[in-house]
Amino acid sequence: MRSRYSAFVLLQADYLRATWHVSTRPDNLDFEPGARWLGLEVRRHQVTGSDCAEVEFVARYRLGGKATRLHEKSRFVREEGRWFYVDGDGA
């Protein structure tokens, strides 16, 4: 989760796509122009199966002078020893 947050901060679309599960990976990634990321708080991590996990987090950013919070429960799956982001729900 932290590495994906860092990739958003650094606008590293290639890394984000490489860590996104092929079943849900978008064709293109659009970054919010002018967003200034302020921090990440991982609130909870839960193993939900032998190769599945959920991470609840809050990421904060500022856009156009307005502070915004992205609160999500993300689902990850492990394949061949690597973790991939599958999807998430707003929390």
C-alpha atoms as a PDB file:
ATOM      1  CA  MET A   1       0.000   0.000   0.000  1.00  0.00           C
ATOM      2  CA  ARG A   2       2.747   2.436   0.912  1.00  0.00           C
ATOM      3  CA  SER A   3       4.624   1.815  -2.320  1.00  0.00           C
ATOM      4  CA  ARG A   4       1.470   2.484  -4.359  1.00  0.00           C
ATOM      5  CA  TYR A   5       0.859   5.718  -2.441  1.00  0.00           C
ATOM      6  CA  SER A   6       4.442   6.775  -3.193  1.00  0.00           C
ATOM      7  CA  ALA A   7       3.880   5.962  -6.866  1.00  0.00           C
ATOM      8  CA  PHE A   8       0.831   8.261  -6.896  1.00  0.00           C
ATOM      9  CA  VAL A   9       2.888  11.031  -5.301  1.00  0.00           C
ATOM     10  CA  LEU A  10       5.671  10.571  -7.863  1.00  0.00           C
ATOM     11  CA  LEU A  11       3.279  10.078 -10.810  1.00  0.00           C
ATOM     12  CA  GLN A  12       4.738   6.636 -11.577  1.00  0.00           C
ATOM     13  CA  ALA A  13       2.006   5.189 -13.776  1.00  0.00           C
ATOM     14  CA  ASP A  14       4.154   2.237 -14.875  1.00  0.00           C
ATOM     15  CA  TYR A  15       4.613   1.059 -11.284  1.00  0.00           C
ATOM     16  CA  LEU A  16       0.928   1.486 -10.488  1.00  0.00           C
ATOM     17  CA  ARG A  17      -0.077  -0.548 -13.540  1.00  0.00           C
ATOM     18  CA  ALA A  18       2.498  -3.243 -12.692  1.00  0.00           C
ATOM     19  CA  THR A  19       1.032  -3.615  -9.192  1.00  0.00           C
ATOM     20  CA  TRP A  20      -2.616  -3.547 -10.345  1.00  0.00           C
ATOM     21  CA  HIS A  21      -4.258  -6.926 -10.926  1.00  0.00           C
ATOM     22  CA  VAL A  22      -4.797  -7.631 -14.604  1.00  0.00           C
ATOM     23  CA  SER A  23      -8.513  -8.342 -14.030  1.00  0.00           C
ATOM     24  CA  THR A  24      -9.220  -4.765 -12.909  1.00  0.00           C
ATOM     25  CA  ARG A  25      -6.280  -2.754 -14.259  1.00  0.00           C
ATOM     26  CA  PRO A  26      -7.363   0.285 -16.295  1.00  0.00           C
ATOM     27  CA  ASP A  27      -5.929   0.897 -19.737  1.00  0.00           C
ATOM     28  CA  ASN A  28      -4.788   4.382 -18.750  1.00  0.00           C
ATOM     29  CA  LEU A  29      -4.178   6.220 -15.508  1.00  0.00           C
ATOM     30  CA  ASP A  30      -5.079   9.861 -15.134  1.00  0.00           C
ATOM     31  CA  PHE A  31      -3.436  11.798 -12.343  1.00  0.00           C
ATOM     32  CA  GLU A  32      -5.180  14.799 -10.825  1.00  0.00           C
ATOM     33  CA  PRO A  33      -3.206  17.793 -12.141  1.00  0.00           C
ATOM     34  CA  GLY A  34      -1.984  19.996  -9.329  1.00  0.00           C
ATOM     35  CA  ALA A  35      -2.736  17.533  -6.527  1.00  0.00           C
ATOM     36  CA  ARG A  36      -0.291  17.832  -3.640  1.00  0.00           C
ATOM     37  CA  TRP A  37      -0.239  14.656  -1.559  1.00  0.00           C
ATOM     38  CA  LEU A  38       0.015  15.284   2.169  1.00  0.00           C
ATOM     39  CA  GLY A  39       0.220  11.868   3.802  1.00  0.00           C
ATOM     40  CA  LEU A  40      -0.930   8.291   4.177  1.00  0.00           C
ATOM     41  CA  GLU A  41      -2.374   6.612   7.256  1.00  0.00           C
ATOM     42  CA  VAL A  42      -2.785   2.848   7.094  1.00  0.00           C
ATOM     43  CA  ARG A  43      -5.578   2.167   9.564  1.00  0.00           C
ATOM     44  CA  ARG A  44      -5.993  -1.571   9.307  1.00  0.00           C
ATOM     45  CA  HIS A  45      -4.589  -4.608   7.563  1.00  0.00           C
ATOM     46  CA  GLN A  46      -6.481  -7.883   7.545  1.00  0.00           C
ATOM     47  CA  VAL A  47      -5.567 -11.208   5.968  1.00  0.00           C
ATOM     48  CA  THR A  48      -8.765 -12.544   4.403  1.00  0.00           C
ATOM     49  CA  GLY A  49      -7.386 -15.759   2.876  1.00  0.00           C
ATOM     50  CA  SER A  50      -4.123 -17.525   2.160  1.00  0.00           C
ATOM     51  CA  ASP A  51      -3.415 -15.151  -0.723  1.00  0.00           C
ATOM     52  CA  CYS A  52      -5.865 -12.301  -0.065  1.00  0.00           C
ATOM     53  CA  ALA A  53      -5.776  -9.252   2.171  1.00  0.00           C
ATOM     54  CA  GLU A  54      -7.532  -5.951   2.787  1.00  0.00           C
ATOM     55  CA  VAL A  55      -5.979  -2.649   3.732  1.00  0.00           C
ATOM     56  CA  GLU A  56      -7.951   0.291   5.069  1.00  0.00           C
ATOM     57  CA  PHE A  57      -6.227   3.621   4.586  1.00  0.00           C
ATOM     58  CA  VAL A  58      -6.708   7.360   4.492  1.00  0.00           C
ATOM     59  CA  ALA A  59      -4.672   9.374   1.996  1.00  0.00           C
ATOM     60  CA  ARG A  60      -4.787  13.140   2.189  1.00  0.00           C
ATOM     61  CA  TYR A  61      -4.126  15.615  -0.573  1.00  0.00           C
ATOM     62  CA  ARG A  62      -4.694  19.249  -1.417  1.00  0.00           C
ATOM     63  CA  LEU A  63      -6.109  20.398  -4.721  1.00  0.00           C
ATOM     64  CA  GLY A  64      -6.793  24.000  -5.583  1.00  0.00           C
ATOM     65  CA  GLY A  65      -6.422  25.029  -1.958  1.00  0.00           C
ATOM     66  CA  LYS A  66      -8.947  22.449  -0.765  1.00  0.00           C
ATOM     67  CA  ALA A  67      -7.917  19.541   1.473  1.00  0.00           C
ATOM     68  CA  THR A  68      -9.362  16.160   0.533  1.00  0.00           C
ATOM     69  CA  ARG A  69      -9.319  12.740   2.160  1.00  0.00           C
ATOM     70  CA  LEU A  70      -9.443   9.478   0.260  1.00  0.00           C
ATOM     71  CA  HIS A  71     -10.668   6.786   2.686  1.00  0.00           C
ATOM     72  CA  GLU A  72     -10.715   3.316   1.155  1.00  0.00           C
ATOM     73  CA  LYS A  73     -10.758  -0.390   1.958  1.00  0.00           C
ATOM     74  CA  SER A  74      -8.533  -1.902  -0.711  1.00  0.00           C
ATOM     75  CA  ARG A  75      -8.413  -5.547  -1.686  1.00  0.00           C
ATOM     76  CA  PHE A  76      -5.172  -7.239  -2.683  1.00  0.00           C
ATOM     77  CA  VAL A  77      -4.366 -10.698  -4.008  1.00  0.00           C
ATOM     78  CA  ARG A  78      -1.008 -12.502  -4.035  1.00  0.00           C
ATOM     79  CA  GLU A  79       0.027 -14.358  -7.165  1.00  0.00           C
ATOM     80  CA  GLU A  80       3.404 -16.051  -7.564  1.00  0.00           C
ATOM     81  CA  GLY A  81       4.658 -14.267  -4.463  1.00  0.00           C
ATOM     82  CA  ARG A  82       3.664 -10.750  -5.596  1.00  0.00           C
ATOM     83  CA  TRP A  83       0.815  -8.637  -4.204  1.00  0.00           C
ATOM     84  CA  PHE A  84      -1.563  -6.903  -6.614  1.00  0.00           C
ATOM     85  CA  TYR A  85      -4.218  -4.264  -5.970  1.00  0.00           C
ATOM     86  CA  VAL A  86      -7.623  -5.580  -7.087  1.00  0.00           C
ATOM     87  CA  ASP A  87     -10.149  -2.908  -6.126  1.00  0.00           C
ATOM     88  CA  GLY A  88     -11.451  -0.849  -3.254  1.00  0.00           C
ATOM     89  CA  ASP A  89     -14.543   0.573  -1.621  1.00  0.00           C
ATOM     90  CA  GLY A  90     -14.906   3.991  -0.048  1.00  0.00           C
ATOM     91  CA  ALA A  91     -14.996   3.645   3.697  1.00  0.00           C
END
